[in-house]
Amino acid sequence: MEKSATRQDYCSLSFVLKFSLFFALNVGGAVGWWLGDYGDIWTALLGSAAGSVVGICLVWRYREYFGG
């Protein structure tokens, strides 16, 4: 039986990874908002959410690829 993740497991992420996720979340959200702003407010909101998800996915892929 697999052990479920504990608080210690989540807190063990390095500072660099946490900062990278924070940065990617904000930059992705800003780019998504900027691209979605050509429509209405709902398009900008959905674009921001999608941009944030893409930013986070890119950081995790980068981390897996380089073994960080």
PDB file of N, CA and C in Angstrom:
ATOM      1  N   MET A   1       0.845  -1.179   0.000  1.00  0.00           N
ATOM      2  CA  MET A   1       0.000   0.000   0.000  1.00  0.00           C
ATOM      3  C   MET A   1       0.891   1.242   0.000  1.00  0.00           C
ATOM      4  N   GLU A   2       0.562   2.181  -0.853  1.00  0.00           N
ATOM      5  CA  GLU A   2       1.378   3.388  -0.967  1.00  0.00           C
ATOM      6  C   GLU A   2       1.089   4.362   0.157  1.00  0.00           C
ATOM      7  N   LYS A   3       2.142   5.032   0.563  1.00  0.00           N
ATOM      8  CA  LYS A   3       2.016   6.041   1.611  1.00  0.00           C
ATOM      9  C   LYS A   3       1.474   7.323   0.989  1.00  0.00           C
ATOM     10  N   SER A   4       0.508   7.931   1.636  1.00  0.00           N
ATOM     11  CA  SER A   4      -0.009   9.200   1.140  1.00  0.00           C
ATOM     12  C   SER A   4       0.971  10.320   1.462  1.00  0.00           C
ATOM     13  N   ALA A   5       0.902  11.373   0.675  1.00  0.00           N
ATOM     14  CA  ALA A   5       1.814  12.501   0.866  1.00  0.00           C
ATOM     15  C   ALA A   5       1.505  13.217   2.174  1.00  0.00           C
ATOM     16  N   THR A   6       2.546  13.561   2.880  1.00  0.00           N
ATOM     17  CA  THR A   6       2.388  14.278   4.141  1.00  0.00           C
ATOM     18  C   THR A   6       2.799  15.733   3.957  1.00  0.00           C
ATOM     19  N   ARG A   7       2.561  16.512   4.979  1.00  0.00           N
ATOM     20  CA  ARG A   7       2.944  17.924   4.935  1.00  0.00           C
ATOM     21  C   ARG A   7       4.445  18.082   4.754  1.00  0.00           C
ATOM     22  N   GLN A   8       5.205  17.199   5.363  1.00  0.00           N
ATOM     23  CA  GLN A   8       6.664  17.265   5.243  1.00  0.00           C
ATOM     24  C   GLN A   8       7.098  17.059   3.793  1.00  0.00           C
ATOM     25  N   ASP A   9       6.390  16.176   3.068  1.00  0.00           N
ATOM     26  CA  ASP A   9       6.729  15.942   1.669  1.00  0.00           C
ATOM     27  C   ASP A   9       6.531  17.206   0.844  1.00  0.00           C
ATOM     28  N   TYR A  10       5.459  17.937   1.109  1.00  0.00           N
ATOM     29  CA  TYR A  10       5.199  19.158   0.350  1.00  0.00           C
ATOM     30  C   TYR A  10       6.125  20.295   0.762  1.00  0.00           C
ATOM     31  N   CYS A  11       6.533  20.311   2.003  1.00  0.00           N
ATOM     32  CA  CYS A  11       7.420  21.357   2.489  1.00  0.00           C
ATOM     33  C   CYS A  11       8.868  21.119   2.091  1.00  0.00           C
ATOM     34  N   SER A  12       9.170  19.950   1.562  1.00  0.00           N
ATOM     35  CA  SER A  12      10.547  19.645   1.214  1.00  0.00           C
ATOM     36  C   SER A  12      10.938  20.181  -0.165  1.00  0.00           C
ATOM     37  N   LEU A  13      10.027  20.825  -0.861  1.00  0.00           N
ATOM     38  CA  LEU A  13      10.376  21.422  -2.141  1.00  0.00           C
ATOM     39  C   LEU A  13      11.409  22.516  -1.922  1.00  0.00           C
ATOM     40  N   SER A  14      12.365  22.594  -2.802  1.00  0.00           N
ATOM     41  CA  SER A  14      13.424  23.583  -2.643  1.00  0.00           C
ATOM     42  C   SER A  14      12.907  24.998  -2.890  1.00  0.00           C
ATOM     43  N   PHE A  15      13.648  25.944  -2.386  1.00  0.00           N
ATOM     44  CA  PHE A  15      13.275  27.346  -2.573  1.00  0.00           C
ATOM     45  C   PHE A  15      13.265  27.722  -4.049  1.00  0.00           C
ATOM     46  N   VAL A  16      14.220  27.202  -4.801  1.00  0.00           N
ATOM     47  CA  VAL A  16      14.304  27.527  -6.230  1.00  0.00           C
ATOM     48  C   VAL A  16      13.073  27.026  -6.964  1.00  0.00           C
ATOM     49  N   LEU A  17      12.619  25.819  -6.638  1.00  0.00           N
ATOM     50  CA  LEU A  17      11.418  25.289  -7.284  1.00  0.00           C
ATOM     51  C   LEU A  17      10.193  26.109  -6.909  1.00  0.00           C
ATOM     52  N   LYS A  18      10.079  26.463  -5.642  1.00  0.00           N
ATOM     53  CA  LYS A  18       8.937  27.278  -5.207  1.00  0.00           C
ATOM     54  C   LYS A  18       8.940  28.636  -5.912  1.00  0.00           C
ATOM     55  N   PHE A  19      10.108  29.244  -6.016  1.00  0.00           N
ATOM     56  CA  PHE A  19      10.197  30.536  -6.688  1.00  0.00           C
ATOM     57  C   PHE A  19       9.886  30.389  -8.173  1.00  0.00           C
ATOM     58  N   SER A  20      10.370  29.319  -8.800  1.00  0.00           N
ATOM     59  CA  SER A  20      10.100  29.089 -10.219  1.00  0.00           C
ATOM     60  C   SER A  20       8.616  28.903 -10.473  1.00  0.00           C
ATOM     61  N   LEU A  21       7.954  28.162  -9.601  1.00  0.00           N
ATOM     62  CA  LEU A  21       6.510  27.971  -9.742  1.00  0.00           C
ATOM     63  C   LEU A  21       5.763  29.291  -9.564  1.00  0.00           C
ATOM     64  N   PHE A  22       6.163  30.070  -8.574  1.00  0.00           N
ATOM     65  CA  PHE A  22       5.536  31.370  -8.339  1.00  0.00           C
ATOM     66  C   PHE A  22       5.715  32.292  -9.554  1.00  0.00           C
ATOM     67  N   PHE A  23       6.935  32.320 -10.078  1.00  0.00           N
ATOM     68  CA  PHE A  23       7.230  33.171 -11.222  1.00  0.00           C
ATOM     69  C   PHE A  23       6.442  32.722 -12.456  1.00  0.00           C
ATOM     70  N   ALA A  24       6.427  31.416 -12.720  1.00  0.00           N
ATOM     71  CA  ALA A  24       5.713  30.894 -13.890  1.00  0.00           C
ATOM     72  C   ALA A  24       4.215  31.120 -13.765  1.00  0.00           C
ATOM     73  N   LEU A  25       3.684  30.990 -12.571  1.00  0.00           N
ATOM     74  CA  LEU A  25       2.266  31.219 -12.341  1.00  0.00           C
ATOM     75  C   LEU A  25       1.891  32.660 -12.679  1.00  0.00           C
ATOM     76  N   ASN A  26       2.689  33.598 -12.213  1.00  0.00           N
ATOM     77  CA  ASN A  26       2.395  35.010 -12.442  1.00  0.00           C
ATOM     78  C   ASN A  26       2.641  35.436 -13.883  1.00  0.00           C
ATOM     79  N   VAL A  27       3.743  35.002 -14.463  1.00  0.00           N
ATOM     80  CA  VAL A  27       4.035  35.378 -15.849  1.00  0.00           C
ATOM     81  C   VAL A  27       3.025  34.736 -16.792  1.00  0.00           C
ATOM     82  N   GLY A  28       2.737  33.457 -16.580  1.00  0.00           N
ATOM     83  CA  GLY A  28       1.746  32.778 -17.417  1.00  0.00           C
ATOM     84  C   GLY A  28       0.375  33.427 -17.308  1.00  0.00           C
ATOM     85  N   GLY A  29       0.005  33.790 -16.093  1.00  0.00           N
ATOM     86  CA  GLY A  29      -1.286  34.455 -15.889  1.00  0.00           C
ATOM     87  C   GLY A  29      -1.343  35.823 -16.545  1.00  0.00           C
ATOM     88  N   ALA A  30      -0.238  36.559 -16.471  1.00  0.00           N
ATOM     89  CA  ALA A  30      -0.203  37.892 -17.089  1.00  0.00           C
ATOM     90  C   ALA A  30      -0.262  37.796 -18.607  1.00  0.00           C
ATOM     91  N   VAL A  31       0.468  36.843 -19.177  1.00  0.00           N
ATOM     92  CA  VAL A  31       0.435  36.668 -20.631  1.00  0.00           C
ATOM     93  C   VAL A  31      -0.955  36.219 -21.080  1.00  0.00           C
ATOM     94  N   GLY A  32      -1.546  35.293 -20.335  1.00  0.00           N
ATOM     95  CA  GLY A  32      -2.903  34.846 -20.666  1.00  0.00           C
ATOM     96  C   GLY A  32      -3.909  35.973 -20.562  1.00  0.00           C
ATOM     97  N   TRP A  33      -3.773  36.813 -19.554  1.00  0.00           N
ATOM     98  CA  TRP A  33      -4.681  37.960 -19.406  1.00  0.00           C
ATOM     99  C   TRP A  33      -4.495  38.932 -20.568  1.00  0.00           C
ATOM    100  N   TRP A  34      -3.248  39.189 -20.930  1.00  0.00           N
ATOM    101  CA  TRP A  34      -2.954  40.118 -22.016  1.00  0.00           C
ATOM    102  C   TRP A  34      -3.538  39.602 -23.336  1.00  0.00           C
ATOM    103  N   LEU A  35      -3.389  38.312 -23.601  1.00  0.00           N
ATOM    104  CA  LEU A  35      -3.933  37.747 -24.834  1.00  0.00           C
ATOM    105  C   LEU A  35      -5.462  37.699 -24.800  1.00  0.00           C
ATOM    106  N   GLY A  36      -6.037  37.408 -23.641  1.00  0.00           N
ATOM    107  CA  GLY A  36      -7.487  37.330 -23.535  1.00  0.00           C
ATOM    108  C   GLY A  36      -8.163  38.673 -23.437  1.00  0.00           C
ATOM    109  N   ASP A  37      -7.384  39.717 -23.220  1.00  0.00           N
ATOM    110  CA  ASP A  37      -7.960  41.057 -23.071  1.00  0.00           C
ATOM    111  C   ASP A  37      -8.534  41.604 -24.371  1.00  0.00           C
ATOM    112  N   TYR A  38      -8.205  40.983 -25.475  1.00  0.00           N
ATOM    113  CA  TYR A  38      -8.774  41.419 -26.752  1.00  0.00           C
ATOM    114  C   TYR A  38     -10.258  41.083 -26.842  1.00  0.00           C
ATOM    115  N   GLY A  39     -10.712  40.158 -26.026  1.00  0.00           N
ATOM    116  CA  GLY A  39     -12.130  39.834 -25.939  1.00  0.00           C
ATOM    117  C   GLY A  39     -12.760  40.632 -24.810  1.00  0.00           C
ATOM    118  N   ASP A  40     -13.568  39.955 -24.027  1.00  0.00           N
ATOM    119  CA  ASP A  40     -14.180  40.626 -22.877  1.00  0.00           C
ATOM    120  C   ASP A  40     -13.507  40.148 -21.588  1.00  0.00           C
ATOM    121  N   ILE A  41     -14.076  40.487 -20.452  1.00  0.00           N
ATOM    122  CA  ILE A  41     -13.456  40.182 -19.166  1.00  0.00           C
ATOM    123  C   ILE A  41     -13.393  38.682 -18.914  1.00  0.00           C
ATOM    124  N   TRP A  42     -14.394  37.936 -19.375  1.00  0.00           N
ATOM    125  CA  TRP A  42     -14.401  36.491 -19.155  1.00  0.00           C
ATOM    126  C   TRP A  42     -13.326  35.796 -19.987  1.00  0.00           C
ATOM    127  N   THR A  43     -13.086  36.288 -21.173  1.00  0.00           N
ATOM    128  CA  THR A  43     -12.015  35.733 -21.994  1.00  0.00           C
ATOM    129  C   THR A  43     -10.668  35.991 -21.338  1.00  0.00           C
ATOM    130  N   ALA A  44     -10.499  37.177 -20.791  1.00  0.00           N
ATOM    131  CA  ALA A  44      -9.252  37.503 -20.103  1.00  0.00           C
ATOM    132  C   ALA A  44      -9.074  36.626 -18.861  1.00  0.00           C
ATOM    133  N   LEU A  45     -10.144  36.392 -18.126  1.00  0.00           N
ATOM    134  CA  LEU A  45     -10.073  35.562 -16.926  1.00  0.00           C
ATOM    135  C   LEU A  45      -9.703  34.120 -17.274  1.00  0.00           C
ATOM    136  N   LEU A  46     -10.344  33.563 -18.284  1.00  0.00           N
ATOM    137  CA  LEU A  46     -10.033  32.198 -18.702  1.00  0.00           C
ATOM    138  C   LEU A  46      -8.633  32.110 -19.296  1.00  0.00           C
ATOM    139  N   GLY A  47      -8.225  33.132 -20.024  1.00  0.00           N
ATOM    140  CA  GLY A  47      -6.871  33.163 -20.564  1.00  0.00           C
ATOM    141  C   GLY A  47      -5.833  33.215 -19.466  1.00  0.00           C
ATOM    142  N   SER A  48      -6.110  33.963 -18.422  1.00  0.00           N
ATOM    143  CA  SER A  48      -5.197  34.051 -17.289  1.00  0.00           C
ATOM    144  C   SER A  48      -5.075  32.703 -16.579  1.00  0.00           C
ATOM    145  N   ALA A  49      -6.196  32.042 -16.384  1.00  0.00           N
ATOM    146  CA  ALA A  49      -6.166  30.725 -15.741  1.00  0.00           C
ATOM    147  C   ALA A  49      -5.398  29.720 -16.597  1.00  0.00           C
ATOM    148  N   ALA A  50      -5.651  29.726 -17.884  1.00  0.00           N
ATOM    149  CA  ALA A  50      -4.957  28.808 -18.788  1.00  0.00           C
ATOM    150  C   ALA A  50      -3.462  29.114 -18.829  1.00  0.00           C
ATOM    151  N   GLY A  51      -3.103  30.386 -18.854  1.00  0.00           N
ATOM    152  CA  GLY A  51      -1.701  30.771 -18.852  1.00  0.00           C
ATOM    153  C   GLY A  51      -0.990  30.348 -17.580  1.00  0.00           C
ATOM    154  N   SER A  52      -1.679  30.434 -16.465  1.00  0.00           N
ATOM    155  CA  SER A  52      -1.099  29.994 -15.197  1.00  0.00           C
ATOM    156  C   SER A  52      -0.845  28.493 -15.201  1.00  0.00           C
ATOM    157  N   VAL A  53      -1.796  27.732 -15.703  1.00  0.00           N
ATOM    158  CA  VAL A  53      -1.641  26.279 -15.779  1.00  0.00           C
ATOM    159  C   VAL A  53      -0.490  25.909 -16.707  1.00  0.00           C
ATOM    160  N   VAL A  54      -0.397  26.582 -17.838  1.00  0.00           N
ATOM    161  CA  VAL A  54       0.691  26.310 -18.778  1.00  0.00           C
ATOM    162  C   VAL A  54       2.039  26.623 -18.142  1.00  0.00           C
ATOM    163  N   GLY A  55       2.121  27.735 -17.421  1.00  0.00           N
ATOM    164  CA  GLY A  55       3.370  28.086 -16.748  1.00  0.00           C
ATOM    165  C   GLY A  55       3.793  27.048 -15.736  1.00  0.00           C
ATOM    166  N   ILE A  56       2.859  26.564 -14.941  1.00  0.00           N
ATOM    167  CA  ILE A  56       3.172  25.543 -13.948  1.00  0.00           C
ATOM    168  C   ILE A  56       3.590  24.237 -14.622  1.00  0.00           C
ATOM    169  N   CYS A  57       2.890  23.855 -15.667  1.00  0.00           N
ATOM    170  CA  CYS A  57       3.242  22.627 -16.393  1.00  0.00           C
ATOM    171  C   CYS A  57       4.637  22.724 -16.995  1.00  0.00           C
ATOM    172  N   LEU A  58       5.000  23.881 -17.505  1.00  0.00           N
ATOM    173  CA  LEU A  58       6.335  24.044 -18.077  1.00  0.00           C
ATOM    174  C   LEU A  58       7.423  23.894 -17.020  1.00  0.00           C
ATOM    175  N   VAL A  59       7.198  24.435 -15.836  1.00  0.00           N
ATOM    176  CA  VAL A  59       8.194  24.296 -14.762  1.00  0.00           C
ATOM    177  C   VAL A  59       8.341  22.833 -14.363  1.00  0.00           C
ATOM    178  N   TRP A  60       7.224  22.111 -14.232  1.00  0.00           N
ATOM    179  CA  TRP A  60       7.306  20.701 -13.848  1.00  0.00           C
ATOM    180  C   TRP A  60       7.988  19.875 -14.930  1.00  0.00           C
ATOM    181  N   ARG A  61       7.706  20.175 -16.204  1.00  0.00           N
ATOM    182  CA  ARG A  61       8.376  19.457 -17.303  1.00  0.00           C
ATOM    183  C   ARG A  61       9.874  19.745 -17.293  1.00  0.00           C
ATOM    184  N   TYR A  62      10.228  20.988 -17.097  1.00  0.00           N
ATOM    185  CA  TYR A  62      11.638  21.378 -17.032  1.00  0.00           C
ATOM    186  C   TYR A  62      12.334  20.647 -15.887  1.00  0.00           C
ATOM    187  N   ARG A  63      11.660  20.571 -14.754  1.00  0.00           N
ATOM    188  CA  ARG A  63      12.210  19.897 -13.578  1.00  0.00           C
ATOM    189  C   ARG A  63      12.406  18.402 -13.848  1.00  0.00           C
ATOM    190  N   GLU A  64      11.433  17.765 -14.490  1.00  0.00           N
ATOM    191  CA  GLU A  64      11.548  16.338 -14.796  1.00  0.00           C
ATOM    192  C   GLU A  64      12.656  16.082 -15.808  1.00  0.00           C
ATOM    193  N   TYR A  65      12.773  16.964 -16.785  1.00  0.00           N
ATOM    194  CA  TYR A  65      13.767  16.774 -17.843  1.00  0.00           C
ATOM    195  C   TYR A  65      15.190  16.895 -17.310  1.00  0.00           C
ATOM    196  N   PHE A  66      15.421  17.883 -16.464  1.00  0.00           N
ATOM    197  CA  PHE A  66      16.757  18.109 -15.935  1.00  0.00           C
ATOM    198  C   PHE A  66      16.998  17.443 -14.582  1.00  0.00           C
ATOM    199  N   GLY A  67      16.005  16.718 -14.093  1.00  0.00           N
ATOM    200  CA  GLY A  67      16.192  15.945 -12.863  1.00  0.00           C
ATOM    201  C   GLY A  67      16.332  16.764 -11.602  1.00  0.00           C
ATOM    202  N   GLY A  68      15.718  17.946 -11.579  1.00  0.00           N
ATOM    203  CA  GLY A  68      15.856  18.812 -10.406  1.00  0.00           C
ATOM    204  C   GLY A  68      14.912  18.510  -9.378  1.00  0.00           C
TER     205      GLY A  68
END
